[in-house]
Protein backbone atom coordinates (compact mmCIF):
# COMPACT_ATOMS: atom_id res chain seq x y z
CA MET A 1 104.53 101.63 190.87
CA CYS A 2 103.98 97.60 191.23
CA GLY A 3 107.14 96.19 192.57
CA ILE A 4 107.84 92.86 194.05
CA SER A 5 106.35 93.89 197.34
CA SER A 6 102.84 95.15 195.77
CA LEU A 7 102.89 92.02 193.59
CA LEU A 8 103.54 89.80 196.61
CA ALA A 9 100.72 91.60 198.25
CA SER A 10 98.40 90.94 195.52
CA ILE A 11 98.93 87.43 194.69
CA LEU A 12 100.83 85.37 197.34
CA ASP A 13 100.39 82.15 197.60
CA ILE A 14 98.53 81.53 194.33
CA VAL A 15 100.22 78.79 193.52
CA PRO A 16 100.38 75.58 195.17
CA LEU A 17 104.19 74.33 196.17
CA PRO A 18 104.54 70.75 195.61
CA ALA A 19 107.64 68.70 195.97
CA PRO A 20 110.19 69.08 193.75
CA GLY A 21 110.19 66.93 190.61
CA GLY A 22 113.38 67.50 189.16
CA PRO A 23 115.26 69.95 187.15
CA ILE A 24 112.47 71.71 186.31
CA THR A 25 110.09 72.36 189.47
CA THR A 26 106.40 73.88 189.84
CA ILE A 27 106.84 76.04 192.46
CA SER A 28 104.64 79.37 194.13
CA ILE A 29 105.15 82.46 193.68
CA GLU A 30 105.78 83.25 196.67
CA PHE A 31 108.47 80.76 196.66
CA ILE A 32 109.95 82.31 193.77
CA ILE A 33 109.75 85.73 195.07
CA ASN A 34 111.50 84.96 198.75
CA ILE A 35 113.96 82.25 198.15
CA HIS A 36 115.09 83.16 194.51
CA ILE A 37 114.21 86.33 193.18
CA LYS A 38 114.59 88.52 196.28
CA ALA A 39 117.75 87.42 196.88
CA LEU A 40 119.26 87.71 193.59
CA LEU A 41 117.64 91.34 193.39
CA LEU A 42 119.58 91.89 196.61
CA VAL A 43 123.12 92.35 194.39
CA LYS A 44 121.27 93.70 191.38
CA ASP A 45 122.46 90.60 189.61
CA LEU A 46 119.86 88.27 187.39
CA PRO A 47 120.33 84.83 185.45
CA HIS A 48 118.31 84.68 182.16
CA LEU A 49 114.79 83.89 183.02
CA LEU A 50 112.47 81.38 181.40
CA PHE A 51 108.81 81.36 183.04
CA TYR A 52 106.83 79.16 181.36
CA GLY A 53 102.94 77.60 182.25
CA PRO A 54 99.36 78.40 181.46
CA PRO A 55 97.54 81.71 180.21
CA GLY A 56 96.76 83.84 183.05
CA THR A 57 99.10 82.28 186.14
CA GLY A 58 100.84 85.54 186.21
CA LYS A 59 104.05 85.27 184.13
CA THR A 60 104.25 88.80 182.67
CA THR A 61 102.97 90.25 185.85
CA MET A 62 106.48 88.69 187.67
CA ALA A 63 108.14 89.86 185.01
CA LEU A 64 107.16 93.07 184.88
CA ALA A 65 107.10 93.34 188.97
CA LEU A 66 110.75 92.52 188.22
CA ALA A 67 111.79 95.05 185.99
CA TYR A 68 109.85 97.94 188.13
CA GLU A 69 111.75 96.84 191.17
CA LEU A 70 115.29 96.93 189.16
CA TYR A 71 114.57 100.08 187.39
CA GLY A 72 111.65 102.03 189.33
CA ASP A 73 110.50 105.09 187.14
CA LYS A 74 113.17 104.67 184.50
CA ILE A 75 111.84 101.20 183.52
CA TYR A 76 111.27 102.38 179.93
CA GLU A 77 114.64 103.43 179.05
CA ASN A 78 115.83 100.15 180.60
CA VAL A 79 113.14 97.30 179.34
CA LEU A 80 112.57 96.07 175.70
CA GLU A 81 109.23 94.29 176.20
CA LEU A 82 108.05 92.25 172.81
CA ASN A 83 105.51 90.12 172.29
CA ALA A 84 107.20 87.54 170.41
CA SER A 85 104.43 85.96 168.60
CA ASP A 86 103.79 89.05 166.71
CA GLU A 87 107.72 89.68 165.98
CA ARG A 88 109.00 86.43 166.07
CA GLY A 89 110.94 86.24 162.72
CA ILE A 90 114.96 86.31 162.70
CA ALA A 91 115.15 90.41 161.59
CA VAL A 92 113.74 91.28 164.88
CA ILE A 93 116.23 89.22 167.42
CA ARG A 94 119.24 91.44 164.92
CA GLU A 95 117.77 94.52 164.80
CA LYS A 96 115.66 95.33 167.82
CA VAL A 97 116.84 93.02 170.54
CA LYS A 98 120.56 93.16 169.68
CA GLU A 99 120.71 96.84 169.25
CA PHE A 100 119.24 97.39 172.33
CA ALA A 101 121.07 94.76 174.31
CA LYS A 102 124.69 96.29 173.26
CA THR A 103 123.56 99.75 174.89
CA LEU A 104 124.48 100.40 178.55
CA PRO A 105 121.58 100.93 181.00
CA THR A 106 121.11 104.46 182.53
CA VAL A 107 120.78 103.51 186.46
CA ASP A 108 123.21 101.61 188.61
CA VAL A 109 121.93 98.34 187.54
CA PRO A 110 124.61 96.58 185.39
CA PHE A 111 122.37 95.27 182.86
CA LYS A 112 119.15 96.42 180.88
CA LEU A 113 116.03 93.66 180.72
CA VAL A 114 114.39 92.27 177.52
CA ILE A 115 111.25 90.84 178.08
CA LEU A 116 110.04 88.43 175.18
CA ASP A 117 106.64 87.22 175.51
CA GLU A 118 105.16 83.74 173.90
CA ALA A 119 108.49 83.30 173.42
CA ASP A 120 107.37 79.63 172.57
CA ASN A 121 105.76 80.97 169.24
CA MET A 122 109.20 82.32 168.00
CA THR A 123 110.86 80.41 165.01
CA ALA A 124 113.84 77.89 165.24
CA GLU A 125 116.09 80.67 163.38
CA ALA A 126 114.82 83.71 165.48
CA GLN A 127 116.10 81.31 168.88
CA GLN A 128 119.35 80.40 167.43
CA ALA A 129 120.03 84.34 166.60
CA LEU A 130 118.33 84.90 170.43
CA ARG A 131 120.92 82.07 171.95
CA ARG A 132 123.77 83.73 170.13
CA THR A 133 122.70 87.50 171.17
CA MET A 134 122.30 85.91 175.04
CA GLU A 135 125.86 84.97 174.87
CA MET A 136 127.57 88.07 173.09
CA TYR A 137 125.35 90.56 175.59
CA THR A 138 125.30 89.02 179.07
CA GLY A 139 127.64 91.65 179.95
CA THR A 140 124.94 94.22 179.48
CA ALA A 141 121.31 92.55 179.12
CA ARG A 142 119.45 89.87 180.57
CA PHE A 143 116.69 87.99 178.79
CA ILE A 144 113.31 86.89 180.79
CA LEU A 145 111.38 84.50 178.04
CA LEU A 146 107.89 84.11 178.72
CA ALA A 147 106.26 80.67 177.31
CA ASN A 148 103.28 78.75 177.39
CA TYR A 149 104.88 75.16 176.43
CA VAL A 150 108.79 75.11 177.11
CA SER A 151 108.93 72.50 174.27
CA GLY A 152 108.52 75.42 172.09
CA ILE A 153 112.10 76.80 173.38
CA ILE A 154 114.83 75.20 172.27
CA GLU A 155 117.16 73.24 174.29
CA PRO A 156 120.41 76.04 174.13
CA ILE A 157 117.99 78.62 175.32
CA GLN A 158 116.61 76.24 177.93
CA SER A 159 120.45 75.45 179.56
CA ARG A 160 121.29 79.06 179.48
CA CYS A 161 117.84 80.02 182.05
CA ALA A 162 117.09 79.19 185.24
CA VAL A 163 113.98 77.72 184.56
CA PHE A 164 110.13 78.08 186.52
CA ARG A 165 107.22 76.61 186.04
CA PHE A 166 104.04 78.62 186.96
CA THR A 167 100.96 76.19 187.28
CA LEU A 168 96.97 76.90 187.07
CA LEU A 169 95.89 79.01 190.18
CA PRO A 170 93.75 76.56 192.54
CA LYS A 171 90.05 77.77 193.01
CA GLU A 172 90.02 79.20 196.31
CA ALA A 173 92.88 81.68 195.08
CA VAL A 174 91.04 82.25 192.00
CA ILE A 175 87.48 82.91 194.00
CA GLU A 176 89.24 84.95 196.42
CA ARG A 177 90.82 87.18 194.01
CA LEU A 178 87.32 87.79 192.23
CA LYS A 179 85.25 88.43 195.67
CA TYR A 180 88.26 91.46 196.33
CA ILE A 181 87.90 92.85 192.36
CA ALA A 182 84.27 93.20 192.90
CA GLU A 183 84.31 94.09 196.07
CA CYS A 184 86.35 97.17 194.68
CA GLU A 185 84.33 97.94 191.79
CA ASN A 186 80.74 97.86 193.44
CA VAL A 187 79.66 94.61 191.58
CA LYS A 188 77.33 92.31 193.67
CA VAL A 189 78.27 88.39 192.62
CA ASN A 190 77.27 85.56 194.37
CA GLU A 191 78.62 82.16 195.32
CA GLU A 192 77.19 80.37 192.15
CA ALA A 193 77.94 83.23 189.91
CA LEU A 194 81.87 82.60 191.40
CA GLU A 195 81.64 78.46 190.81
CA ALA A 196 80.81 79.05 187.42
CA ILE A 197 83.39 81.70 186.73
CA TRP A 198 85.83 79.16 187.93
CA GLU A 199 84.24 76.05 185.95
CA ILE A 200 84.66 78.38 182.45
CA SER A 201 88.22 79.39 183.69
CA GLN A 202 89.48 76.57 185.43
CA GLY A 203 92.52 78.72 186.76
CA ASP A 204 93.16 81.09 184.06
CA MET A 205 92.95 84.58 186.86
CA ARG A 206 92.92 86.53 183.74
CA LYS A 207 90.10 84.90 181.90
CA ALA A 208 88.17 84.97 184.87
CA ILE A 209 88.78 88.85 185.47
CA ASN A 210 87.29 89.15 181.76
CA ILE A 211 84.07 86.99 182.30
CA LEU A 212 83.57 89.26 185.41
CA GLN A 213 83.68 91.90 183.80
CA ALA A 214 81.90 91.00 180.94
CA ALA A 215 79.38 89.88 183.35
CA SER A 216 78.99 92.90 185.35
CA ALA A 217 78.68 95.10 182.20
CA ILE A 218 75.12 93.28 181.53
CA GLU A 219 73.78 93.53 185.35
CA SER A 220 75.26 95.05 188.33
CA LYS A 221 74.07 91.65 189.95
CA VAL A 222 76.15 88.95 188.29
CA SER A 223 74.19 85.50 188.20
CA VAL A 224 75.27 82.09 186.81
CA GLU A 225 72.77 83.04 183.91
CA THR A 226 74.28 86.51 183.36
CA ILE A 227 77.66 85.13 183.22
CA TYR A 228 76.70 82.85 180.50
CA ARG A 229 74.40 85.23 178.23
CA ALA A 230 77.79 87.25 178.67
CA LEU A 231 79.70 84.47 176.84
CA GLY A 232 77.24 83.69 174.50
CA LYS A 233 77.15 79.88 175.85
CA VAL A 234 74.13 78.31 176.89
CA SER A 235 72.95 77.84 180.34
CA PRO A 236 73.75 74.59 182.46
CA SER A 237 70.39 74.88 184.22
CA VAL A 238 68.36 75.56 180.88
CA LEU A 239 70.74 72.35 179.51
CA LYS A 240 70.18 69.88 182.19
CA ASN A 241 66.37 70.39 181.69
CA ILE A 242 66.79 69.69 178.08
CA LEU A 243 68.86 66.62 178.62
CA TYR A 244 66.29 65.27 181.19
CA GLU A 245 63.72 65.94 178.77
CA ALA A 246 65.28 64.22 176.13
CA ILE A 247 65.82 61.09 178.23
CA TYR A 248 63.17 60.76 180.24
CA GLY A 249 60.68 62.92 178.99
CA ASN A 250 59.19 64.30 175.59
CA PHE A 251 61.82 63.65 173.24
CA SER A 252 60.53 65.61 170.40
CA LYS A 253 60.46 68.78 173.33
CA ALA A 254 63.90 68.60 173.75
CA LEU A 255 64.76 68.47 169.92
CA ARG A 256 62.77 71.62 169.24
CA GLN A 257 64.68 72.96 172.14
CA ILE A 258 67.64 72.21 170.57
CA TYR A 259 66.95 73.52 167.26
CA GLU A 260 66.31 77.09 169.14
CA LEU A 261 69.61 76.90 170.66
CA ILE A 262 71.92 76.30 167.87
CA HIS A 263 69.73 78.12 165.28
CA GLU A 264 68.26 81.08 166.71
CA GLN A 265 70.40 81.96 169.71
CA CYS A 266 73.36 81.13 168.03
CA VAL A 267 75.25 78.29 170.35
CA ASP A 268 78.17 76.65 169.28
CA PRO A 269 77.17 72.81 169.29
CA ILE A 270 80.54 72.03 170.59
CA ASP A 271 79.18 74.16 174.04
CA ILE A 272 76.27 71.70 173.81
CA ILE A 273 78.31 68.49 173.72
CA LYS A 274 80.62 69.80 176.00
CA ALA A 275 77.86 70.66 178.64
CA ILE A 276 76.68 67.22 177.98
CA HIS A 277 79.75 65.46 178.91
CA ARG A 278 80.30 67.15 181.63
CA GLU A 279 76.17 66.08 183.11
CA VAL A 280 76.86 62.72 182.54
CA VAL A 281 79.89 62.43 184.53
CA SER A 282 79.02 64.88 187.16
CA TYR A 283 78.32 63.36 190.65
CA THR A 284 75.31 65.36 191.40
CA SER A 285 73.64 64.94 188.03
CA GLN A 286 69.55 64.39 188.11
CA LEU A 287 70.31 61.90 185.39
CA LYS A 288 71.05 59.54 188.17
CA ILE A 289 73.49 57.34 185.71
CA PRO A 290 74.96 54.05 187.16
CA GLU A 291 78.64 54.45 187.25
CA ASN A 292 79.15 51.08 185.45
CA MET A 293 77.68 52.69 182.53
CA LYS A 294 79.55 56.17 182.34
CA PRO A 295 82.54 54.70 180.50
CA LYS A 296 79.87 53.71 177.79
CA LEU A 297 78.31 56.99 177.64
CA LEU A 298 81.46 58.83 177.51
CA PHE A 299 82.65 56.97 174.74
CA ILE A 300 79.27 57.56 172.82
CA VAL A 301 79.54 61.41 173.58
CA SER A 302 83.11 61.39 172.56
CA ASN A 303 82.36 59.70 169.32
CA HIS A 304 79.62 62.61 168.35
CA HIS A 305 82.08 65.45 169.32
CA TYR A 306 85.04 63.95 166.86
CA ARG A 307 82.58 63.84 164.49
CA ILE A 308 81.17 67.41 164.12
CA LEU A 309 84.81 68.15 164.63
CA ARG A 310 85.20 66.24 161.19
CA GLY A 311 82.25 68.07 159.70
CA SER A 312 79.35 66.51 159.93
CA ASP A 313 75.86 68.40 160.62
CA ALA A 314 75.88 69.34 164.20
CA GLU A 315 72.39 68.99 164.69
CA LEU A 316 71.70 65.89 163.32
CA GLN A 317 75.14 64.79 165.69
CA ILE A 318 73.45 65.70 168.62
CA SER A 319 69.88 64.60 167.99
CA ALA A 320 71.38 60.86 167.47
CA LEU A 321 73.68 61.49 170.80
CA LEU A 322 70.11 62.36 172.82
CA ALA A 323 68.74 59.19 171.11
CA LYS A 324 71.20 57.19 172.44
CA LEU A 325 71.94 58.31 175.92
CA ARG A 326 68.21 57.76 175.99
CA LYS A 327 68.24 53.97 175.08
CA ALA A 328 70.77 53.75 177.21
CA ALA A 329 69.08 55.07 180.22
CA ASN A 330 66.28 53.57 180.13
CA ALA A 331 67.92 50.07 179.32
CA VAL A 332 68.74 50.35 183.04
């Protein structure tokens, strides 16, 4: 069983606690649990809740932990969980949700619980129907809405909910959790690989765990190369060598390597462009680009990125980009 206590032990303090910023405040999971949620659970009462924030930050985990804490092994009788991106129409609200909300709970908690994941994908008509259902059945049901973007939830629903924002998890917390998982699963992973997972996931814990799992399925000793091979992405070290060759070495050789990446290894050209962008702005780049040149080079990179997105030939655009970078770097 996964209640509030076990949730607190597993993801405690993984979201930073900044200063309050108005009616909707960015707060840590520890703060949510200890100050707000636990106080409400003591009297077995909850307002309607709206959790919003980027994917992989613990919104669904928090909602399910609340449900287990309230209902224990009776959770499946008293909790309705729906993914609103799949069941997003007004019929779902009028039939499934309304029929569930009007029935009494089977435990001593005075209400049932409806969890609507990805609620910001619901249609406007469905949200209006949901608003009326929330008003009519407050005595027998509480709603927890989970969303990536609060702007996708209509204002009347927001005003009826206690709103909590979940932020991306900090680097230290993600790496610490990955180390714990690797130890439990007997997977060897070095620091460089953990850094690479962080760079790709950028605070999305779910994505970070999936990357580690995919890489460990290839090799029990996870390295940076293993991670990028598992994801079908170009390795940063390979791209750095190609970029250095294109700017300071044999330009034709670099173009042949780009051709192989795109046509033989099926690397997404957008990934190549993004990797070039990271290398141009990096403080540790071996390209040694002067700071006063970086704005101009970033404009060049973004221009070719845009052209690829608009349908231009990707290989031609990357080749032209490398030519411009070579010309700019050698003009210093």
